[in-house]
C-alpha atoms as a PDB file:
ATOM      1  CA  MET A   1     -66.742   0.529  51.975  1.00  0.00           C
ATOM      2  CA  LEU A   2     -65.721   3.898  53.250  1.00  0.00           C
ATOM      3  CA  ALA A   3     -66.340   3.133  56.935  1.00  0.00           C
ATOM      4  CA  GLY A   4     -65.732  -0.609  56.896  1.00  0.00           C
ATOM      5  CA  GLN A   5     -69.422  -1.171  57.623  1.00  0.00           C
ATOM      6  CA  GLN A   6     -72.702  -0.303  56.002  1.00  0.00           C
ATOM      7  CA  PRO A   7     -74.170   3.025  57.198  1.00  0.00           C
ATOM      8  CA  PHE A   8     -77.695   1.587  57.354  1.00  0.00           C
ATOM      9  CA  ARG A   9     -78.890  -1.789  58.570  1.00  0.00           C
ATOM     10  CA  GLY A  10     -82.053  -3.774  58.183  1.00  0.00           C
ATOM     11  CA  GLU A  11     -83.108  -7.377  58.693  1.00  0.00           C
ATOM     12  CA  ASN A  12     -84.605  -7.456  55.210  1.00  0.00           C
ATOM     13  CA  LEU A  13     -84.820  -5.252  52.134  1.00  0.00           C
ATOM     14  CA  LEU A  14     -87.925  -3.432  53.372  1.00  0.00           C
ATOM     15  CA  SER A  15     -86.442  -2.569  56.774  1.00  0.00           C
ATOM     16  CA  LEU A  16     -83.181  -1.528  55.099  1.00  0.00           C
ATOM     17  CA  ALA A  17     -85.067   0.810  52.741  1.00  0.00           C
ATOM     18  CA  ASP A  18     -86.914   2.275  55.728  1.00  0.00           C
ATOM     19  CA  ALA A  19     -83.621   2.802  57.590  1.00  0.00           C
ATOM     20  CA  ILE A  20     -82.149   4.631  54.582  1.00  0.00           C
ATOM     21  CA  ARG A  21     -85.267   6.785  54.358  1.00  0.00           C
ATOM     22  CA  THR A  22     -85.585   7.672  58.043  1.00  0.00           C
ATOM     23  CA  ASN A  23     -82.292   7.170  59.903  1.00  0.00           C
ATOM     24  CA  ASP A  24     -79.082   9.154  59.868  1.00  0.00           C
ATOM     25  CA  PRO A  25     -76.005   7.152  58.854  1.00  0.00           C
ATOM     26  CA  SER A  26     -73.565   6.037  61.511  1.00  0.00           C
ATOM     27  CA  PRO A  27     -70.742   8.570  61.994  1.00  0.00           C
ATOM     28  CA  LEU A  28     -67.517   7.740  60.203  1.00  0.00           C
ATOM     29  CA  THR A  29     -64.540   6.883  62.399  1.00  0.00           C
ATOM     30  CA  GLY A  30     -60.837   6.256  62.006  1.00  0.00           C
ATOM     31  CA  ASP A  31     -59.231   7.202  58.701  1.00  0.00           C
ATOM     32  CA  ALA A  32     -62.628   8.071  57.192  1.00  0.00           C
ATOM     33  CA  SER A  33     -63.666  10.470  59.990  1.00  0.00           C
ATOM     34  CA  SER A  34     -62.507  13.526  58.030  1.00  0.00           C
ATOM     35  CA  LEU A  35     -65.206  12.734  55.440  1.00  0.00           C
ATOM     36  CA  ASP A  36     -68.011  12.544  58.010  1.00  0.00           C
ATOM     37  CA  GLY A  37     -69.305  16.099  57.462  1.00  0.00           C
ATOM     38  CA  ALA A  38     -69.512  15.769  53.669  1.00  0.00           C
ATOM     39  CA  VAL A  39     -71.104  12.309  53.827  1.00  0.00           C
ATOM     40  CA  SER A  40     -73.591  13.350  56.524  1.00  0.00           C
ATOM     41  CA  ARG A  41     -74.604  16.369  54.458  1.00  0.00           C
ATOM     42  CA  ALA A  42     -74.936  14.253  51.296  1.00  0.00           C
ATOM     43  CA  LEU A  43     -77.218  11.804  53.121  1.00  0.00           C
ATOM     44  CA  SER A  44     -79.170  14.329  55.217  1.00  0.00           C
ATOM     45  CA  LYS A  45     -82.898  13.674  55.527  1.00  0.00           C
ATOM     46  CA  ASP A  46     -83.491  17.450  55.498  1.00  0.00           C
ATOM     47  CA  ALA A  47     -83.380  18.548  51.843  1.00  0.00           C
ATOM     48  CA  GLY A  48     -82.300  22.042  52.875  1.00  0.00           C
ATOM     49  CA  LYS A  49     -79.140  20.670  54.503  1.00  0.00           C
ATOM     50  CA  ARG A  50     -78.055  18.492  51.561  1.00  0.00           C
ATOM     51  CA  HIS A  51     -75.644  19.517  48.828  1.00  0.00           C
ATOM     52  CA  GLN A  52     -77.698  21.301  46.197  1.00  0.00           C
ATOM     53  CA  THR A  53     -75.068  21.075  43.453  1.00  0.00           C
ATOM     54  CA  VAL A  54     -71.934  19.127  42.620  1.00  0.00           C
ATOM     55  CA  ALA A  55     -70.037  22.357  43.311  1.00  0.00           C
ATOM     56  CA  ASP A  56     -71.405  22.307  46.899  1.00  0.00           C
ATOM     57  CA  LEU A  57     -70.174  18.736  47.375  1.00  0.00           C
ATOM     58  CA  LEU A  58     -66.769  19.505  45.864  1.00  0.00           C
ATOM     59  CA  GLY A  59     -66.521  22.555  48.121  1.00  0.00           C
ATOM     60  CA  ASP A  60     -67.051  20.375  51.196  1.00  0.00           C
ATOM     61  CA  LEU A  61     -64.612  17.749  49.977  1.00  0.00           C
ATOM     62  CA  SER A  62     -61.956  20.345  49.186  1.00  0.00           C
ATOM     63  CA  GLN A  63     -61.993  21.446  52.857  1.00  0.00           C
ATOM     64  CA  ILE A  64     -60.682  18.052  53.958  1.00  0.00           C
ATOM     65  CA  HIS A  65     -56.951  18.425  54.580  1.00  0.00           C
ATOM     66  CA  ASP A  66     -55.947  14.925  53.425  1.00  0.00           C
ATOM     67  CA  LEU A  67     -58.124  14.987  50.308  1.00  0.00           C
ATOM     68  CA  ARG A  68     -57.046  16.732  47.123  1.00  0.00           C
ATOM     69  CA  VAL A  69     -59.924  17.746  44.856  1.00  0.00           C
ATOM     70  CA  ILE A  70     -58.837  18.764  41.370  1.00  0.00           C
ATOM     71  CA  SER A  71     -60.707  21.590  39.657  1.00  0.00           C
ATOM     72  CA  ARG A  72     -63.193  20.726  36.953  1.00  0.00           C
ATOM     73  CA  THR A  73     -61.255  22.992  34.569  1.00  0.00           C
ATOM     74  CA  SER A  74     -58.079  20.929  35.019  1.00  0.00           C
ATOM     75  CA  VAL A  75     -59.923  17.648  34.727  1.00  0.00           C
ATOM     76  CA  MET A  76     -61.856  18.673  31.593  1.00  0.00           C
ATOM     77  CA  GLN A  77     -58.551  19.278  29.795  1.00  0.00           C
ATOM     78  CA  LEU A  78     -58.039  15.518  30.022  1.00  0.00           C
ATOM     79  CA  LYS A  79     -61.427  14.598  28.552  1.00  0.00           C
ATOM     80  CA  ASN A  80     -61.011  12.277  25.552  1.00  0.00           C
ATOM     81  CA  THR A  81     -57.242  12.111  26.106  1.00  0.00           C
ATOM     82  CA  SER A  82     -55.215   9.122  25.019  1.00  0.00           C
ATOM     83  CA  LYS A  83     -53.083   9.314  28.203  1.00  0.00           C
ATOM     84  CA  ASP A  84     -53.142   6.287  30.482  1.00  0.00           C
ATOM     85  CA  LEU A  85     -54.257   6.547  34.107  1.00  0.00           C
ATOM     86  CA  ARG A  86     -50.708   6.480  35.509  1.00  0.00           C
ATOM     87  CA  THR A  87     -49.754   9.476  33.350  1.00  0.00           C
ATOM     88  CA  ILE A  88     -52.935  11.337  34.314  1.00  0.00           C
ATOM     89  CA  GLY A  89     -52.218  10.634  37.986  1.00  0.00           C
ATOM     90  CA  ARG A  90     -48.693  12.026  37.627  1.00  0.00           C
ATOM     91  CA  ASP A  91     -49.932  15.064  35.661  1.00  0.00           C
ATOM     92  CA  LEU A  92     -52.504  15.868  38.366  1.00  0.00           C
ATOM     93  CA  ASN A  93     -50.224  14.801  41.231  1.00  0.00           C
ATOM     94  CA  VAL A  94     -52.855  12.430  42.659  1.00  0.00           C
ATOM     95  CA  ARG A  95     -52.758   8.830  43.843  1.00  0.00           C
ATOM     96  CA  HIS A  96     -56.447   8.000  43.364  1.00  0.00           C
ATOM     97  CA  VAL A  97     -58.885   8.913  40.622  1.00  0.00           C
ATOM     98  CA  LEU A  98     -62.665   8.730  40.908  1.00  0.00           C
ATOM     99  CA  GLU A  99     -64.312   8.421  37.532  1.00  0.00           C
ATOM    100  CA  GLY A 100     -67.841   7.788  36.442  1.00  0.00           C
ATOM    101  CA  SER A 101     -70.721   8.622  34.199  1.00  0.00           C
ATOM    102  CA  VAL A 102     -74.347   9.657  34.369  1.00  0.00           C
ATOM    103  CA  ARG A 103     -76.755   8.732  31.601  1.00  0.00           C
ATOM    104  CA  LYS A 104     -80.375   9.832  31.498  1.00  0.00           C
ATOM    105  CA  ALA A 105     -82.926   8.847  28.867  1.00  0.00           C
ATOM    106  CA  GLY A 106     -86.393  10.115  29.701  1.00  0.00           C
ATOM    107  CA  ASN A 107     -86.844   9.127  33.343  1.00  0.00           C
ATOM    108  CA  ASP A 108     -84.366   6.234  33.141  1.00  0.00           C
ATOM    109  CA  LEU A 109     -81.136   6.976  34.968  1.00  0.00           C
ATOM    110  CA  ARG A 110     -77.857   5.058  35.023  1.00  0.00           C
ATOM    111  CA  ILE A 111     -74.872   6.088  37.125  1.00  0.00           C
ATOM    112  CA  THR A 112     -71.517   4.348  37.349  1.00  0.00           C
ATOM    113  CA  ALA A 113     -68.573   5.244  39.550  1.00  0.00           C
ATOM    114  CA  GLN A 114     -65.197   3.661  40.113  1.00  0.00           C
ATOM    115  CA  LEU A 115     -62.213   4.491  42.259  1.00  0.00           C
ATOM    116  CA  MET A 116     -58.838   3.753  40.699  1.00  0.00           C
ATOM    117  CA  ASP A 117     -55.311   3.663  42.084  1.00  0.00           C
ATOM    118  CA  ALA A 118     -53.436   5.942  39.672  1.00  0.00           C
ATOM    119  CA  THR A 119     -50.035   4.469  40.578  1.00  0.00           C
ATOM    120  CA  THR A 120     -50.999   0.858  39.756  1.00  0.00           C
ATOM    121  CA  ASP A 121     -54.048   1.345  37.486  1.00  0.00           C
ATOM    122  CA  ALA A 122     -55.918  -1.032  39.820  1.00  0.00           C
ATOM    123  CA  HIS A 123     -59.667  -0.895  40.455  1.00  0.00           C
ATOM    124  CA  LEU A 124     -60.277  -0.248  44.157  1.00  0.00           C
ATOM    125  CA  TRP A 125     -64.058   0.139  44.169  1.00  0.00           C
ATOM    126  CA  ALA A 126     -66.950   0.322  41.724  1.00  0.00           C
ATOM    127  CA  ALA A 127     -70.702   0.847  41.954  1.00  0.00           C
ATOM    128  CA  LYS A 128     -73.615   1.073  39.544  1.00  0.00           C
ATOM    129  CA  PHE A 129     -77.118   2.432  39.865  1.00  0.00           C
ATOM    130  CA  LYS A 130     -79.995   1.960  37.470  1.00  0.00           C
ATOM    131  CA  GLY A 131     -83.366   3.423  38.239  1.00  0.00           C
ATOM    132  CA  ARG A 132     -85.987   6.001  37.455  1.00  0.00           C
ATOM    133  CA  TRP A 133     -85.668   9.719  38.041  1.00  0.00           C
ATOM    134  CA  THR A 134     -88.825  10.926  39.742  1.00  0.00           C
ATOM    135  CA  THR A 135     -87.753  13.542  42.283  1.00  0.00           C
ATOM    136  CA  CYS A 136     -84.498  14.842  43.666  1.00  0.00           C
ATOM    137  CA  SER A 137     -85.078  13.166  47.053  1.00  0.00           C
ATOM    138  CA  THR A 138     -85.927   9.845  45.397  1.00  0.00           C
ATOM    139  CA  PHE A 139     -82.705  10.109  43.418  1.00  0.00           C
ATOM    140  CA  ARG A 140     -80.642  10.877  46.518  1.00  0.00           C
ATOM    141  CA  ASN A 141     -82.190   8.107  48.602  1.00  0.00           C
ATOM    142  CA  GLY A 142     -82.232   5.537  45.816  1.00  0.00           C
ATOM    143  CA  CYS A 143     -78.895   6.312  44.207  1.00  0.00           C
ATOM    144  CA  LEU A 144     -76.452   8.294  46.306  1.00  0.00           C
ATOM    145  CA  ALA A 145     -76.990   6.347  49.520  1.00  0.00           C
ATOM    146  CA  PRO A 146     -76.177   2.955  47.943  1.00  0.00           C
ATOM    147  CA  LEU A 147     -73.180   4.397  46.080  1.00  0.00           C
ATOM    148  CA  LEU A 148     -71.780   5.950  49.259  1.00  0.00           C
ATOM    149  CA  ARG A 149     -72.634   2.833  51.275  1.00  0.00           C
ATOM    150  CA  ASP A 150     -70.513   0.623  49.027  1.00  0.00           C
END
C-alpha cells in the first residue's frame, strides 16, 4: 500500500463502496506525501478535477522531484524486447518499473498492474481488476480506486 493504510474504510463491503463513492481519500504522509496531489486528483469526486488522459497523470507524476517518469517514446522502444528487467532498468536508469495491461472486449474490462524492483527483478506489488465498462466515473471508482488503494 502506498500510504501504509487503506484510503477508504467501511465496516462492510457496502459501507466501503459508499466511502469510495462519496469521501475523499486520506492525505498521504511520510515518504508518500509527494504523491498526494496526483493521487488526490486521480480519485477526485469532481470529474472536472480528475486526470482526463494518461498524459495528464504522467504530467502530474513527472512534477514529483523524487519520481522519474520515463517518456512513452523511450518505453515503446522496449516493447517486445528480449532484454531482462535488470537490463531494462539499467538502460532507463530506473530502480522500479511499473508494468501492466488493459484488455477490453465489448464492455468487459481487465486491468493488471505490477511494480517491479529492476535491480533484483522482484515483485513488489500487483493488482488486478475485472469488471464492466459502463461510464468513465464507474471505471474510475470501480477500478482505479482499488488499484491505488492496494
